[in-house]
Each structure stands twice: as structure tokens, then as C-alpha cells.
C-alpha atoms as a PDB file:
ATOM      1  CA  MET A   1      20.897 141.272  17.650  1.00  0.00           C
ATOM      2  CA  ASN A   2      22.678 144.060  15.769  1.00  0.00           C
ATOM      3  CA  GLU A   3      23.989 145.845  18.833  1.00  0.00           C
ATOM      4  CA  LEU A   4      25.264 145.260  22.351  1.00  0.00           C
ATOM      5  CA  SER A   5      23.775 146.815  25.450  1.00  0.00           C
ATOM      6  CA  ASP A   6      25.968 148.801  27.837  1.00  0.00           C
ATOM      7  CA  LYS A   7      26.096 145.810  30.168  1.00  0.00           C
ATOM      8  CA  GLU A   8      27.127 143.537  27.311  1.00  0.00           C
ATOM      9  CA  MET A   9      29.823 145.989  26.231  1.00  0.00           C
ATOM     10  CA  LEU A  10      31.268 145.809  29.729  1.00  0.00           C
ATOM     11  CA  ARG A  11      30.801 142.049  30.104  1.00  0.00           C
ATOM     12  CA  TYR A  12      32.558 141.248  26.817  1.00  0.00           C
ATOM     13  CA  SER A  13      35.074 144.097  26.913  1.00  0.00           C
ATOM     14  CA  ARG A  14      38.056 141.725  26.936  1.00  0.00           C
ATOM     15  CA  HIS A  15      36.765 140.125  23.749  1.00  0.00           C
ATOM     16  CA  ILE A  16      36.057 143.453  22.107  1.00  0.00           C
ATOM     17  CA  LEU A  17      39.641 144.556  22.752  1.00  0.00           C
ATOM     18  CA  LEU A  18      40.894 141.683  20.587  1.00  0.00           C
ATOM     19  CA  LYS A  19      41.320 142.324  16.874  1.00  0.00           C
ATOM     20  CA  GLU A  20      40.432 138.645  16.389  1.00  0.00           C
ATOM     21  CA  VAL A  21      36.985 139.285  17.917  1.00  0.00           C
ATOM     22  CA  GLY A  22      36.105 142.959  18.240  1.00  0.00           C
ATOM     23  CA  LEU A  23      32.596 144.354  18.301  1.00  0.00           C
ATOM     24  CA  ALA A  24      31.622 142.714  15.016  1.00  0.00           C
ATOM     25  CA  GLY A  25      32.820 139.341  16.245  1.00  0.00           C
ATOM     26  CA  GLN A  26      30.992 139.615  19.544  1.00  0.00           C
ATOM     27  CA  LEU A  27      27.805 140.377  17.641  1.00  0.00           C
ATOM     28  CA  LYS A  28      28.359 137.185  15.631  1.00  0.00           C
ATOM     29  CA  LEU A  29      28.609 135.227  18.882  1.00  0.00           C
ATOM     30  CA  LYS A  30      25.463 136.902  20.187  1.00  0.00           C
ATOM     31  CA  SER A  31      23.507 135.895  17.095  1.00  0.00           C
ATOM     32  CA  ALA A  32      24.781 132.300  17.100  1.00  0.00           C
ATOM     33  CA  SER A  33      22.890 129.194  18.163  1.00  0.00           C
ATOM     34  CA  VAL A  34      24.977 126.260  19.422  1.00  0.00           C
ATOM     35  CA  ALA A  35      23.656 122.838  20.412  1.00  0.00           C
ATOM     36  CA  VAL A  36      25.536 120.721  22.956  1.00  0.00           C
ATOM     37  CA  VAL A  37      24.655 117.034  23.025  1.00  0.00           C
ATOM     38  CA  GLY A  38      25.672 115.716  26.425  1.00  0.00           C
ATOM     39  CA  ALA A  39      25.966 117.862  29.547  1.00  0.00           C
ATOM     40  CA  GLY A  40      28.510 115.702  31.344  1.00  0.00           C
ATOM     41  CA  GLY A  41      32.297 115.736  31.596  1.00  0.00           C
ATOM     42  CA  LEU A  42      32.895 117.336  28.191  1.00  0.00           C
ATOM     43  CA  GLY A  43      29.699 119.347  28.052  1.00  0.00           C
ATOM     44  CA  SER A  44      30.337 120.986  31.431  1.00  0.00           C
ATOM     45  CA  PRO A  45      33.453 123.021  30.498  1.00  0.00           C
ATOM     46  CA  ALA A  46      32.236 123.572  26.939  1.00  0.00           C
ATOM     47  CA  LEU A  47      28.933 125.018  28.151  1.00  0.00           C
ATOM     48  CA  LEU A  48      30.556 127.186  30.814  1.00  0.00           C
ATOM     49  CA  TYR A  49      32.879 128.825  28.298  1.00  0.00           C
ATOM     50  CA  LEU A  50      30.256 129.158  25.569  1.00  0.00           C
ATOM     51  CA  ALA A  51      27.904 130.854  28.022  1.00  0.00           C
ATOM     52  CA  ALA A  52      30.659 133.112  29.344  1.00  0.00           C
ATOM     53  CA  ALA A  53      31.715 133.993  25.796  1.00  0.00           C
ATOM     54  CA  GLY A  54      28.246 135.250  24.950  1.00  0.00           C
ATOM     55  CA  ILE A  55      26.823 132.654  22.562  1.00  0.00           C
ATOM     56  CA  GLY A  56      23.317 134.001  22.096  1.00  0.00           C
ATOM     57  CA  LYS A  57      21.462 130.692  22.261  1.00  0.00           C
ATOM     58  CA  LEU A  58      22.604 127.464  23.877  1.00  0.00           C
ATOM     59  CA  ILE A  59      20.642 124.257  23.332  1.00  0.00           C
ATOM     60  CA  LEU A  60      21.336 121.569  25.959  1.00  0.00           C
ATOM     61  CA  ILE A  61      20.383 117.944  25.283  1.00  0.00           C
ATOM     62  CA  ASP A  62      20.844 115.218  27.918  1.00  0.00           C
ATOM     63  CA  ASP A  63      18.494 112.743  29.572  1.00  0.00           C
ATOM     64  CA  ASP A  64      20.651 111.856  32.596  1.00  0.00           C
ATOM     65  CA  ALA A  65      20.348 112.951  36.219  1.00  0.00           C
ATOM     66  CA  VAL A  66      23.253 114.118  38.389  1.00  0.00           C
ATOM     67  CA  GLU A  67      24.923 111.319  40.382  1.00  0.00           C
ATOM     68  CA  LEU A  68      27.632 111.486  43.025  1.00  0.00           C
ATOM     69  CA  SER A  69      30.205 109.813  40.754  1.00  0.00           C
ATOM     70  CA  ASN A  70      29.688 112.637  38.208  1.00  0.00           C
ATOM     71  CA  LEU A  71      31.132 115.254  40.540  1.00  0.00           C
ATOM     72  CA  GLN A  72      34.701 113.992  40.035  1.00  0.00           C
ATOM     73  CA  ARG A  73      34.737 115.567  36.556  1.00  0.00           C
ATOM     74  CA  GLN A  74      31.439 117.256  35.644  1.00  0.00           C
ATOM     75  CA  VAL A  75      32.232 120.722  36.923  1.00  0.00           C
ATOM     76  CA  LEU A  76      28.820 122.247  36.206  1.00  0.00           C
ATOM     77  CA  TYR A  77      27.287 120.415  39.135  1.00  0.00           C
ATOM     78  CA  LYS A  78      27.370 120.666  42.922  1.00  0.00           C
ATOM     79  CA  VAL A  79      26.271 118.374  45.738  1.00  0.00           C
ATOM     80  CA  ASN A  80      22.899 120.112  45.939  1.00  0.00           C
ATOM     81  CA  HIS A  81      22.211 119.109  42.322  1.00  0.00           C
ATOM     82  CA  LEU A  82      22.268 115.364  43.070  1.00  0.00           C
ATOM     83  CA  GLY A  83      19.175 113.686  41.645  1.00  0.00           C
ATOM     84  CA  GLN A  84      18.235 116.611  39.406  1.00  0.00           C
ATOM     85  CA  LYS A  85      18.118 116.283  35.643  1.00  0.00           C
ATOM     86  CA  LYS A  86      21.435 117.504  34.307  1.00  0.00           C
ATOM     87  CA  VAL A  87      19.934 119.964  31.853  1.00  0.00           C
ATOM     88  CA  VAL A  88      17.789 121.487  34.607  1.00  0.00           C
ATOM     89  CA  ALA A  89      20.748 121.947  36.954  1.00  0.00           C
ATOM     90  CA  ALA A  90      23.005 123.081  34.093  1.00  0.00           C
ATOM     91  CA  GLY A  91      20.436 125.600  32.929  1.00  0.00           C
ATOM     92  CA  LYS A  92      20.330 127.184  36.384  1.00  0.00           C
ATOM     93  CA  VAL A  93      24.121 127.356  36.684  1.00  0.00           C
ATOM     94  CA  LEU A  94      24.592 128.818  33.214  1.00  0.00           C
ATOM     95  CA  ALA A  95      21.835 131.386  33.739  1.00  0.00           C
ATOM     96  CA  SER A  96      23.531 132.484  36.952  1.00  0.00           C
ATOM     97  CA  LEU A  97      26.779 132.906  34.984  1.00  0.00           C
ATOM     98  CA  ASN A  98      25.198 134.823  32.103  1.00  0.00           C
ATOM     99  CA  ASN A  99      21.603 136.014  32.261  1.00  0.00           C
ATOM    100  CA  GLN A 100      21.883 137.782  28.910  1.00  0.00           C
ATOM    101  CA  ILE A 101      21.738 134.655  26.770  1.00  0.00           C
ATOM    102  CA  THR A 102      18.956 132.201  25.899  1.00  0.00           C
ATOM    103  CA  ILE A 103      19.230 128.663  27.272  1.00  0.00           C
ATOM    104  CA  ILE A 104      16.990 125.917  25.893  1.00  0.00           C
ATOM    105  CA  THR A 105      16.996 122.529  27.609  1.00  0.00           C
ATOM    106  CA  HIS A 106      15.820 119.120  26.430  1.00  0.00           C
ATOM    107  CA  ALA A 107      15.809 116.390  29.078  1.00  0.00           C
ATOM    108  CA  GLU A 108      15.752 113.577  26.563  1.00  0.00           C
ATOM    109  CA  LYS A 109      18.163 111.293  24.759  1.00  0.00           C
ATOM    110  CA  LEU A 110      19.043 112.340  21.249  1.00  0.00           C
ATOM    111  CA  THR A 111      18.139 109.645  18.720  1.00  0.00           C
ATOM    112  CA  GLN A 112      17.907 109.266  14.956  1.00  0.00           C
ATOM    113  CA  ASP A 113      14.179 110.000  15.190  1.00  0.00           C
ATOM    114  CA  ASN A 114      14.311 113.232  17.227  1.00  0.00           C
ATOM    115  CA  SER A 115      17.633 114.709  16.075  1.00  0.00           C
ATOM    116  CA  ALA A 116      16.059 117.003  13.496  1.00  0.00           C
ATOM    117  CA  ALA A 117      13.604 118.431  16.017  1.00  0.00           C
ATOM    118  CA  LEU A 118      16.285 118.990  18.670  1.00  0.00           C
ATOM    119  CA  LEU A 119      19.133 120.280  16.474  1.00  0.00           C
ATOM    120  CA  ASN A 120      17.356 121.986  13.605  1.00  0.00           C
ATOM    121  CA  ASN A 121      18.131 125.583  14.622  1.00  0.00           C
ATOM    122  CA  ALA A 122      21.781 125.062  15.546  1.00  0.00           C
ATOM    123  CA  ASP A 123      24.580 126.803  13.664  1.00  0.00           C
ATOM    124  CA  ILE A 124      27.117 124.365  15.165  1.00  0.00           C
ATOM    125  CA  VAL A 125      26.649 121.096  17.048  1.00  0.00           C
ATOM    126  CA  LEU A 126      29.006 119.932  19.806  1.00  0.00           C
ATOM    127  CA  ASP A 127      29.029 116.199  20.380  1.00  0.00           C
ATOM    128  CA  CYS A 128      29.888 115.771  24.047  1.00  0.00           C
ATOM    129  CA  SER A 129      28.141 112.416  24.349  1.00  0.00           C
ATOM    130  CA  ASP A 130      29.614 109.207  25.725  1.00  0.00           C
ATOM    131  CA  ASN A 131      28.335 106.536  23.341  1.00  0.00           C
ATOM    132  CA  PHE A 132      28.675 105.713  19.667  1.00  0.00           C
ATOM    133  CA  THR A 133      24.945 105.383  19.012  1.00  0.00           C
ATOM    134  CA  THR A 134      24.433 109.043  19.863  1.00  0.00           C
ATOM    135  CA  ARG A 135      27.588 110.068  18.001  1.00  0.00           C
ATOM    136  CA  TYR A 136      26.391 108.494  14.757  1.00  0.00           C
ATOM    137  CA  SER A 137      22.929 110.039  15.144  1.00  0.00           C
ATOM    138  CA  VAL A 138      24.528 113.472  15.604  1.00  0.00           C
ATOM    139  CA  ASN A 139      26.816 112.875  12.633  1.00  0.00           C
ATOM    140  CA  ARG A 140      23.943 111.865  10.346  1.00  0.00           C
ATOM    141  CA  PHE A 141      22.017 115.001  11.214  1.00  0.00           C
ATOM    142  CA  CYS A 142      25.055 117.203  10.591  1.00  0.00           C
ATOM    143  CA  VAL A 143      25.785 115.503   7.270  1.00  0.00           C
ATOM    144  CA  GLN A 144      22.196 115.815   6.081  1.00  0.00           C
ATOM    145  CA  HIS A 145      21.834 119.449   7.176  1.00  0.00           C
ATOM    146  CA  LYS A 146      25.411 120.542   6.394  1.00  0.00           C
ATOM    147  CA  THR A 147      25.936 121.648   9.993  1.00  0.00           C
ATOM    148  CA  PRO A 148      29.471 121.965  11.429  1.00  0.00           C
ATOM    149  CA  LEU A 149      30.256 119.274  14.007  1.00  0.00           C
ATOM    150  CA  ILE A 150      32.784 119.474  16.844  1.00  0.00           C
ATOM    151  CA  SER A 151      33.234 116.155  18.623  1.00  0.00           C
ATOM    152  CA  GLY A 152      35.188 115.374  21.771  1.00  0.00           C
ATOM    153  CA  ALA A 153      36.038 112.146  23.571  1.00  0.00           C
ATOM    154  CA  ALA A 154      38.059 111.137  26.621  1.00  0.00           C
ATOM    155  CA  LEU A 155      38.835 107.785  28.172  1.00  0.00           C
ATOM    156  CA  ALA A 156      41.333 106.946  30.917  1.00  0.00           C
ATOM    157  CA  THR A 157      44.237 109.342  30.162  1.00  0.00           C
ATOM    158  CA  LYS A 158      43.729 109.901  26.414  1.00  0.00           C
ATOM    159  CA  GLY A 159      41.496 112.407  24.674  1.00  0.00           C
ATOM    160  CA  GLN A 160      40.420 113.134  21.103  1.00  0.00           C
ATOM    161  CA  LEU A 161      39.119 116.250  19.410  1.00  0.00           C
ATOM    162  CA  ILE A 162      37.493 116.423  15.977  1.00  0.00           C
ATOM    163  CA  SER A 163      36.213 119.517  14.150  1.00  0.00           C
ATOM    164  CA  LEU A 164      34.372 119.015  10.854  1.00  0.00           C
ATOM    165  CA  ASP A 165      32.963 121.829   8.729  1.00  0.00           C
ATOM    166  CA  LEU A 166      30.262 119.860   6.973  1.00  0.00           C
ATOM    167  CA  ARG A 167      29.167 122.949   5.048  1.00  0.00           C
ATOM    168  CA  ASN A 168      32.102 122.018   2.832  1.00  0.00           C
ATOM    169  CA  ALA A 169      31.225 119.180   0.431  1.00  0.00           C
ATOM    170  CA  ASN A 170      34.797 117.900   0.635  1.00  0.00           C
ATOM    171  CA  SER A 171      34.825 117.638   4.428  1.00  0.00           C
ATOM    172  CA  PRO A 172      35.044 114.169   5.949  1.00  0.00           C
ATOM    173  CA  CYS A 173      32.354 113.233   8.430  1.00  0.00           C
ATOM    174  CA  TYR A 174      32.658 111.372  11.732  1.00  0.00           C
ATOM    175  CA  GLY A 175      31.893 108.114   9.928  1.00  0.00           C
ATOM    176  CA  CYS A 176      34.804 108.673   7.528  1.00  0.00           C
ATOM    177  CA  ILE A 177      37.163 108.675  10.526  1.00  0.00           C
ATOM    178  CA  PHE A 178      35.379 106.032  12.598  1.00  0.00           C
ATOM    179  CA  PRO A 179      33.311 103.721  10.370  1.00  0.00           C
ATOM    180  CA  GLN A 180      30.336 102.309  12.205  1.00  0.00           C
ATOM    181  CA  SER A 181      30.715  98.756  13.484  1.00  0.00           C
ATOM    182  CA  ASP A 182      28.240  96.220  14.829  1.00  0.00           C
ATOM    183  CA  ILE A 183      30.746  95.382  17.578  1.00  0.00           C
ATOM    184  CA  ALA A 184      30.187  97.550  20.662  1.00  0.00           C
ATOM    185  CA  PRO A 185      33.331  98.877  22.410  1.00  0.00           C
ATOM    186  CA  LEU A 186      34.193  96.874  25.505  1.00  0.00           C
ATOM    187  CA  ILE A 187      35.613  99.771  27.520  1.00  0.00           C
ATOM    188  CA  ASN A 188      34.132 103.080  28.608  1.00  0.00           C
ATOM    189  CA  CYS A 189      34.469 105.553  31.474  1.00  0.00           C
ATOM    190  CA  ASP A 190      32.319 103.360  33.712  1.00  0.00           C
ATOM    191  CA  ASN A 191      34.792 100.475  33.613  1.00  0.00           C
ATOM    192  CA  ALA A 192      38.062 102.139  32.578  1.00  0.00           C
ATOM    193  CA  GLY A 193      37.798 105.467  34.396  1.00  0.00           C
ATOM    194  CA  VAL A 194      38.958 108.888  33.205  1.00  0.00           C
ATOM    195  CA  ILE A 195      41.252 111.478  34.755  1.00  0.00           C
ATOM    196  CA  SER A 196      39.171 114.538  35.541  1.00  0.00           C
ATOM    197  CA  PRO A 197      41.149 117.534  34.135  1.00  0.00           C
ATOM    198  CA  LEU A 198      41.334 115.822  30.725  1.00  0.00           C
ATOM    199  CA  LEU A 199      37.613 116.447  30.297  1.00  0.00           C
ATOM    200  CA  GLY A 200      38.217 120.126  31.011  1.00  0.00           C
ATOM    201  CA  ILE A 201      40.970 120.276  28.400  1.00  0.00           C
ATOM    202  CA  ILE A 202      38.938 118.630  25.638  1.00  0.00           C
ATOM    203  CA  GLY A 203      35.681 120.419  26.488  1.00  0.00           C
ATOM    204  CA  SER A 204      37.391 123.817  26.603  1.00  0.00           C
ATOM    205  CA  MET A 205      39.019 123.125  23.243  1.00  0.00           C
ATOM    206  CA  GLN A 206      35.611 122.266  21.822  1.00  0.00           C
ATOM    207  CA  ALA A 207      34.413 125.684  22.978  1.00  0.00           C
ATOM    208  CA  GLN A 208      37.459 127.364  21.429  1.00  0.00           C
ATOM    209  CA  LEU A 209      36.936 125.594  18.106  1.00  0.00           C
ATOM    210  CA  THR A 210      33.312 126.737  18.186  1.00  0.00           C
ATOM    211  CA  LEU A 211      34.388 130.351  18.544  1.00  0.00           C
ATOM    212  CA  ASN A 212      37.037 129.885  15.848  1.00  0.00           C
ATOM    213  CA  MET A 213      34.414 128.638  13.425  1.00  0.00           C
ATOM    214  CA  LEU A 214      31.837 131.308  14.277  1.00  0.00           C
ATOM    215  CA  LEU A 215      34.478 134.035  13.904  1.00  0.00           C
ATOM    216  CA  SER A 216      35.766 132.539  10.626  1.00  0.00           C
ATOM    217  CA  HIS A 217      39.250 131.870  11.992  1.00  0.00           C
ATOM    218  CA  SER A 218      39.258 128.259  10.895  1.00  0.00           C
ATOM    219  CA  SER A 219      37.219 125.964   8.697  1.00  0.00           C
ATOM    220  CA  ASP A 220      39.819 123.217   8.361  1.00  0.00           C
ATOM    221  CA  CYS A 221      39.169 119.700   9.579  1.00  0.00           C
ATOM    222  CA  VAL A 222      40.852 119.108  12.935  1.00  0.00           C
ATOM    223  CA  PHE A 223      41.623 115.645  14.313  1.00  0.00           C
ATOM    224  CA  MET A 224      43.954 115.520  17.262  1.00  0.00           C
ATOM    225  CA  SER A 225      44.755 113.348  20.249  1.00  0.00           C
ATOM    226  CA  ILE A 226      46.023 114.413  23.655  1.00  0.00           C
ATOM    227  CA  ASN A 227      47.901 112.408  26.269  1.00  0.00           C
ATOM    228  CA  ALA A 228      46.973 113.830  29.665  1.00  0.00           C
ATOM    229  CA  LEU A 229      50.034 112.366  31.391  1.00  0.00           C
ATOM    230  CA  THR A 230      52.639 113.814  29.013  1.00  0.00           C
ATOM    231  CA  LEU A 231      50.560 116.694  27.569  1.00  0.00           C
ATOM    232  CA  GLN A 232      51.748 115.596  24.148  1.00  0.00           C
ATOM    233  CA  GLN A 233      49.437 116.341  21.240  1.00  0.00           C
ATOM    234  CA  GLN A 234      49.261 114.688  17.851  1.00  0.00           C
ATOM    235  CA  GLN A 235      47.413 116.023  14.827  1.00  0.00           C
ATOM    236  CA  PHE A 236      46.299 113.815  11.975  1.00  0.00           C
ATOM    237  CA  LYS A 237      45.299 114.653   8.434  1.00  0.00           C
ATOM    238  CA  VAL A 238      41.965 113.105   7.495  1.00  0.00           C
ATOM    239  CA  VAL A 239      40.165 113.134   4.158  1.00  0.00           C
ATOM    240  CA  LYS A 240      36.711 112.239   2.979  1.00  0.00           C
ATOM    241  CA  ASP A 241      36.134 108.521   2.459  1.00  0.00           C
ATOM    242  CA  ILE A 242      34.368 108.110  -0.876  1.00  0.00           C
ATOM    243  CA  ASP A 243      32.963 104.792   0.390  1.00  0.00           C
ATOM    244  CA  CYS A 244      31.689 106.177   3.705  1.00  0.00           C
ATOM    245  CA  LYS A 245      28.215 104.858   4.453  1.00  0.00           C
ATOM    246  CA  GLU A 246      27.339 108.039   6.335  1.00  0.00           C
ATOM    247  CA  CYS A 247      28.142 110.794   3.836  1.00  0.00           C
ATOM    248  CA  ARG A 248      28.866 109.347   0.386  1.00  0.00           C
END
């Protein structure tokens, strides 16, 4: 992992030209392990860019199969993938994009019980899931193991992006921002819809924040919202909640 092959030098030449990346930075990406929970609308663009960027090991976790309604926004998949497990189809697509990285797939739902086994070797975890149960399970793992967490969400025409460096004891966690409630949300993509390019915007930004963190360009907490119709962005300052049930 301490050098790049000739093919890798050519493949990542546009990164190596950048003073913000360079050869040393590309080697950091090559040695990194990133877990992506959810290989759907957010996971698709995030995984494509992480694979293209040369993240050495990608861990894909998703228990769903590809359905026709997914193809409106989940750009990893094609018609010939219908019925296949998403991680199986995604693994093939990503390997065809970059055969110089390691891709590990888990066709199972991440839960509180299996999170340690699935995420244990990750340097950063991307939460690209679509339900709060999974989000809180991911958050608890990241809090307990001091693993950076980059979470994305999109519904209808609004998106959210959260980056938390949980290696820092003063960092808020996902539960500080969204305290867990016993009341399940009434709306989701299945009943409210979502405009397709918004997933690409949020997922790509998750990939960019991953590179920023791996290359030590940013360790600040990021919490922002995006309006897909106006392209307006808002950033919010968030702090650790001393009464948070997840990380106190």
C-alpha cells in the first residue's frame, strides 16, 4: 500500500496533479477502508465516485434487490440487474469501473446486533440508508468506536448532509441533531417521492466529504440542507448535546 503501480499512476493522474491530493494523498485513499450502508439512491453516486477516486476497500451493506422503480434514481443499476441483490449488482458495476480496489459485499440489513461485525474495519462510515432504525444503529456503532460518520438524506425536493468526526470527543453525534423518537415518520420516498438528481447531489457530496476527511482537509462538523428546486443551501452550526442518549 506504500506505492502506486504504473497503471494506478495513470488512472489517478488528475488527482496526483492536485496539491490538495498529490501522490501522498492518493496513497492515503488507497489504504483507506470505507463502509457504505445502503446501496440505493444515495449510495449509488457515493459508491461510483469513491470507487473512481481509488478508495482501497469499499464495504457495501444492503439487503434489498433491484426493482424497476429504483431505476429512476439509483444510477448504479440497469434493466438487466432487475431482481438481483443490490450489493451483487453494485459489486459488478464498481469492479468494472475500477478493478484495482477491493469490494466487499454484505447482502444483509445492518442492525444493532451485526453492526460491529459489518463495520469494524471501516475508517469512515457513510449512512446512505432510508430509515431511522438503521441510522441510529449506524450512529451507535460510530459513537462507540469513534468512527467518522457521513450521513445523507433526501425526500421530495429537499436534501440534508451531515458530517461528524466522532474521533473528536466534542463532536455531536446523529442523535444530538435528531433525538430518537418512538413516533415513526409518516412520510418517506415511497409515499412522498423524491426528485432523482437530488440523490446524485447529496451522494456525491458524501463522497467529497469522505475524501476531505481522509486527506485531512476538514474535520469540522457539517450540517447543511439543500433545496433542489432553488439550489439554495443552508448551513447550520450544531454542538454536542450533553443530554444526548446516544453519546453522553
